[in-house]
Amino acid sequence: MQAPKQPKTKVTSLNNDFVIESQQQAVLAKQKRRIRLVHRRRILAILAIFVACVVFFGVQIMHAQSTNRQLQAQVAQQKKALQSVQSTKQNLKVQVDQLHDDDYLNKLIRYKYDYSKNGEIIFSLPENGGITKDANPKN
């Protein structure tokens, strides 16, 4: 095969200092644009990585705060339950101490089980403070 023939043109380039300098400036401008493009891509990549890290850590912090709030609520609830149990424990301890007292024990048995001594009569009174209710109220 034969190489295609170059058409002859009537335009020739001048090889003077101005043309050589303008060609060099064009090459330098092209290199600068290429460098700016590479730098811009690098900066965008770094910014994208930075934003991704900020979002990731922000989500982690919000999740940790949510977990912390839930744990604080559980702690408060358990403290209330502990106080309730401690109060019950204290009341039961007082009752146990009272049950070791013979006078209190006698009073309790007499009141709760209507126990009486020999020759003693027990009368049951209404427990609503002596106020009786009419079967047929007058309105």
C-alpha atoms as a PDB file:
ATOM      1  CA  MET A   1       0.000   0.000   0.000  1.00  0.00           C
ATOM      2  CA  GLN A   2       0.960   3.449  -0.713  1.00  0.00           C
ATOM      3  CA  ALA A   3       0.843   6.255   1.784  1.00  0.00           C
ATOM      4  CA  PRO A   4      -1.697   8.936   0.972  1.00  0.00           C
ATOM      5  CA  LYS A   5      -0.160  11.950  -0.549  1.00  0.00           C
ATOM      6  CA  GLN A   6      -0.263  15.157   1.352  1.00  0.00           C
ATOM      7  CA  PRO A   7      -1.941  17.876  -0.615  1.00  0.00           C
ATOM      8  CA  LYS A   8       0.326  20.779  -1.156  1.00  0.00           C
ATOM      9  CA  THR A   9      -0.814  23.955   0.417  1.00  0.00           C
ATOM     10  CA  LYS A  10       0.213  27.405  -0.406  1.00  0.00           C
ATOM     11  CA  VAL A  11       0.355  28.352   3.276  1.00  0.00           C
ATOM     12  CA  THR A  12       3.624  27.931   5.048  1.00  0.00           C
ATOM     13  CA  SER A  13       4.350  28.693   8.645  1.00  0.00           C
ATOM     14  CA  LEU A  14       6.988  31.126   9.550  1.00  0.00           C
ATOM     15  CA  ASN A  15       9.601  29.947  11.940  1.00  0.00           C
ATOM     16  CA  ASN A  16      10.395  33.225  13.581  1.00  0.00           C
ATOM     17  CA  ASP A  17      10.657  34.002  17.300  1.00  0.00           C
ATOM     18  CA  PHE A  18       7.055  35.222  17.610  1.00  0.00           C
ATOM     19  CA  VAL A  19       5.546  32.048  16.174  1.00  0.00           C
ATOM     20  CA  ILE A  20       7.788  29.792  18.262  1.00  0.00           C
ATOM     21  CA  GLU A  21       7.009  31.797  21.402  1.00  0.00           C
ATOM     22  CA  SER A  22       3.245  31.729  20.749  1.00  0.00           C
ATOM     23  CA  GLN A  23       3.402  27.964  20.175  1.00  0.00           C
ATOM     24  CA  GLN A  24       5.273  27.538  23.468  1.00  0.00           C
ATOM     25  CA  GLN A  25       2.719  29.720  25.246  1.00  0.00           C
ATOM     26  CA  ALA A  26      -0.093  27.620  23.799  1.00  0.00           C
ATOM     27  CA  VAL A  27       1.609  24.443  25.032  1.00  0.00           C
ATOM     28  CA  LEU A  28       2.154  25.999  28.489  1.00  0.00           C
ATOM     29  CA  ALA A  29      -1.478  27.162  28.633  1.00  0.00           C
ATOM     30  CA  LYS A  30      -2.629  23.647  27.732  1.00  0.00           C
ATOM     31  CA  GLN A  31      -0.413  22.169  30.463  1.00  0.00           C
ATOM     32  CA  LYS A  32      -1.737  24.699  33.007  1.00  0.00           C
ATOM     33  CA  ARG A  33      -5.328  23.835  32.106  1.00  0.00           C
ATOM     34  CA  ARG A  34      -4.489  20.150  32.507  1.00  0.00           C
ATOM     35  CA  ILE A  35      -2.857  20.780  35.894  1.00  0.00           C
ATOM     36  CA  ARG A  36      -5.840  22.899  37.032  1.00  0.00           C
ATOM     37  CA  LEU A  37      -8.204  20.137  35.942  1.00  0.00           C
ATOM     38  CA  VAL A  38      -6.184  17.507  37.850  1.00  0.00           C
ATOM     39  CA  HIS A  39      -6.046  19.750  40.957  1.00  0.00           C
ATOM     40  CA  ARG A  40      -9.768  20.466  40.737  1.00  0.00           C
ATOM     41  CA  ARG A  41     -10.520  16.730  40.531  1.00  0.00           C
ATOM     42  CA  ARG A  42      -8.249  16.016  43.495  1.00  0.00           C
ATOM     43  CA  ILE A  43      -9.846  18.777  45.575  1.00  0.00           C
ATOM     44  CA  LEU A  44     -13.327  17.510  44.725  1.00  0.00           C
ATOM     45  CA  ALA A  45     -12.312  13.957  45.635  1.00  0.00           C
ATOM     46  CA  ILE A  46     -10.844  15.126  48.954  1.00  0.00           C
ATOM     47  CA  LEU A  47     -13.968  17.197  49.684  1.00  0.00           C
ATOM     48  CA  ALA A  48     -16.207  14.241  48.850  1.00  0.00           C
ATOM     49  CA  ILE A  49     -14.227  12.015  51.229  1.00  0.00           C
ATOM     50  CA  PHE A  50     -14.359  14.720  53.919  1.00  0.00           C
ATOM     51  CA  VAL A  51     -18.132  15.162  53.534  1.00  0.00           C
ATOM     52  CA  ALA A  52     -18.633  11.381  53.655  1.00  0.00           C
ATOM     53  CA  CYS A  53     -16.585  11.202  56.870  1.00  0.00           C
ATOM     54  CA  VAL A  54     -18.508  14.091  58.447  1.00  0.00           C
ATOM     55  CA  VAL A  55     -21.837  12.467  57.553  1.00  0.00           C
ATOM     56  CA  PHE A  56     -20.688   9.068  58.833  1.00  0.00           C
ATOM     57  CA  PHE A  57     -19.426  10.435  62.136  1.00  0.00           C
ATOM     58  CA  GLY A  58     -22.467  12.701  62.488  1.00  0.00           C
ATOM     59  CA  VAL A  59     -24.748   9.686  62.163  1.00  0.00           C
ATOM     60  CA  GLN A  60     -22.617   7.816  64.694  1.00  0.00           C
ATOM     61  CA  ILE A  61     -22.849  10.709  67.170  1.00  0.00           C
ATOM     62  CA  MET A  62     -26.626  10.987  66.760  1.00  0.00           C
ATOM     63  CA  HIS A  63     -26.995   7.228  67.243  1.00  0.00           C
ATOM     64  CA  ALA A  64     -24.841   7.390  70.375  1.00  0.00           C
ATOM     65  CA  GLN A  65     -26.918  10.272  71.753  1.00  0.00           C
ATOM     66  CA  SER A  66     -30.124   8.357  71.089  1.00  0.00           C
ATOM     67  CA  THR A  67     -28.740   5.297  72.849  1.00  0.00           C
ATOM     68  CA  ASN A  68     -27.583   7.506  75.723  1.00  0.00           C
ATOM     69  CA  ARG A  69     -31.073   9.025  76.102  1.00  0.00           C
ATOM     70  CA  GLN A  70     -32.643   5.555  76.138  1.00  0.00           C
ATOM     71  CA  LEU A  71     -30.177   4.360  78.760  1.00  0.00           C
ATOM     72  CA  GLN A  72     -30.786   7.461  80.893  1.00  0.00           C
ATOM     73  CA  ALA A  73     -34.530   6.790  80.743  1.00  0.00           C
ATOM     74  CA  GLN A  74     -33.948   3.175  81.781  1.00  0.00           C
ATOM     75  CA  VAL A  75     -31.699   4.298  84.636  1.00  0.00           C
ATOM     76  CA  ALA A  76     -34.355   6.727  85.878  1.00  0.00           C
ATOM     77  CA  GLN A  77     -37.004   4.010  85.681  1.00  0.00           C
ATOM     78  CA  GLN A  78     -34.804   1.540  87.543  1.00  0.00           C
ATOM     79  CA  LYS A  79     -34.046   4.150  90.212  1.00  0.00           C
ATOM     80  CA  LYS A  80     -37.765   4.613  90.783  1.00  0.00           C
ATOM     81  CA  ALA A  81     -38.216   0.846  91.001  1.00  0.00           C
ATOM     82  CA  LEU A  82     -35.292   0.649  93.441  1.00  0.00           C
ATOM     83  CA  GLN A  83     -36.823   3.349  95.632  1.00  0.00           C
ATOM     84  CA  SER A  84     -40.120   1.492  95.633  1.00  0.00           C
ATOM     85  CA  VAL A  85     -38.446  -1.774  96.599  1.00  0.00           C
ATOM     86  CA  GLN A  86     -36.382  -0.062  99.294  1.00  0.00           C
ATOM     87  CA  SER A  87     -39.510   1.573 100.702  1.00  0.00           C
ATOM     88  CA  THR A  88     -41.295  -1.780 100.740  1.00  0.00           C
ATOM     89  CA  LYS A  89     -38.265  -3.365 102.384  1.00  0.00           C
ATOM     90  CA  GLN A  90     -38.238  -0.670 105.062  1.00  0.00           C
ATOM     91  CA  ASN A  91     -41.965  -1.130 105.715  1.00  0.00           C
ATOM     92  CA  LEU A  92     -41.562  -4.895 105.988  1.00  0.00           C
ATOM     93  CA  LYS A  93     -38.622  -4.466 108.336  1.00  0.00           C
ATOM     94  CA  VAL A  94     -40.737  -2.203 110.566  1.00  0.00           C
ATOM     95  CA  GLN A  95     -43.526  -4.797 110.516  1.00  0.00           C
ATOM     96  CA  VAL A  96     -41.093  -7.571 111.456  1.00  0.00           C
ATOM     97  CA  ASP A  97     -39.772  -5.454 114.330  1.00  0.00           C
ATOM     98  CA  GLN A  98     -43.339  -4.797 115.482  1.00  0.00           C
ATOM     99  CA  LEU A  99     -44.224  -8.486 115.314  1.00  0.00           C
ATOM    100  CA  HIS A 100     -41.419  -9.172 117.793  1.00  0.00           C
ATOM    101  CA  ASP A 101     -43.147  -6.793 120.241  1.00  0.00           C
ATOM    102  CA  ASP A 102     -45.654  -8.725 122.406  1.00  0.00           C
ATOM    103  CA  ASP A 103     -47.971  -5.746 123.035  1.00  0.00           C
ATOM    104  CA  TYR A 104     -48.313  -4.990 119.337  1.00  0.00           C
ATOM    105  CA  LEU A 105     -48.817  -8.649 118.537  1.00  0.00           C
ATOM    106  CA  ASN A 106     -51.618  -8.928 121.114  1.00  0.00           C
ATOM    107  CA  LYS A 107     -53.335  -5.817 119.730  1.00  0.00           C
ATOM    108  CA  LEU A 108     -53.038  -7.115 116.170  1.00  0.00           C
ATOM    109  CA  ILE A 109     -54.509 -10.511 117.036  1.00  0.00           C
ATOM    110  CA  ARG A 110     -57.354  -8.922 118.986  1.00  0.00           C
ATOM    111  CA  TYR A 111     -58.175  -6.488 116.163  1.00  0.00           C
ATOM    112  CA  LYS A 112     -57.720  -8.733 113.157  1.00  0.00           C
ATOM    113  CA  TYR A 113     -59.123 -12.000 114.452  1.00  0.00           C
ATOM    114  CA  ASP A 114     -61.564 -10.670 117.073  1.00  0.00           C
ATOM    115  CA  TYR A 115     -59.736 -12.539 119.790  1.00  0.00           C
ATOM    116  CA  SER A 116     -60.942 -11.823 123.298  1.00  0.00           C
ATOM    117  CA  LYS A 117     -59.816 -12.484 126.794  1.00  0.00           C
ATOM    118  CA  ASN A 118     -61.903 -14.532 129.206  1.00  0.00           C
ATOM    119  CA  GLY A 119     -65.099 -12.707 130.108  1.00  0.00           C
ATOM    120  CA  GLU A 120     -64.635  -9.991 127.496  1.00  0.00           C
ATOM    121  CA  ILE A 121     -67.423  -9.072 125.009  1.00  0.00           C
ATOM    122  CA  ILE A 122     -66.611  -7.680 121.546  1.00  0.00           C
ATOM    123  CA  PHE A 123     -68.986  -5.283 119.823  1.00  0.00           C
ATOM    124  CA  SER A 124     -68.667  -4.660 116.076  1.00  0.00           C
ATOM    125  CA  LEU A 125     -69.276  -1.059 115.066  1.00  0.00           C
ATOM    126  CA  PRO A 126     -69.770   0.249 111.523  1.00  0.00           C
ATOM    127  CA  GLU A 127     -66.520   1.305 109.934  1.00  0.00           C
ATOM    128  CA  ASN A 128     -67.823   4.315 108.027  1.00  0.00           C
ATOM    129  CA  GLY A 129     -67.524   6.684 110.978  1.00  0.00           C
ATOM    130  CA  GLY A 130     -71.009   6.031 112.364  1.00  0.00           C
ATOM    131  CA  ILE A 131     -72.752   7.579 109.370  1.00  0.00           C
ATOM    132  CA  THR A 132     -75.598   5.450 108.099  1.00  0.00           C
ATOM    133  CA  LYS A 133     -77.027   5.678 104.652  1.00  0.00           C
ATOM    134  CA  ASP A 134     -80.749   5.685 104.071  1.00  0.00           C
ATOM    135  CA  ALA A 135     -82.106   2.918 101.974  1.00  0.00           C
ATOM    136  CA  ASN A 136     -84.513   5.422 100.403  1.00  0.00           C
ATOM    137  CA  PRO A 137     -82.727   8.748 100.015  1.00  0.00           C
ATOM    138  CA  LYS A 138     -84.918  11.833  99.913  1.00  0.00           C
ATOM    139  CA  ASN A 139     -84.293  13.869  96.831  1.00  0.00           C
END
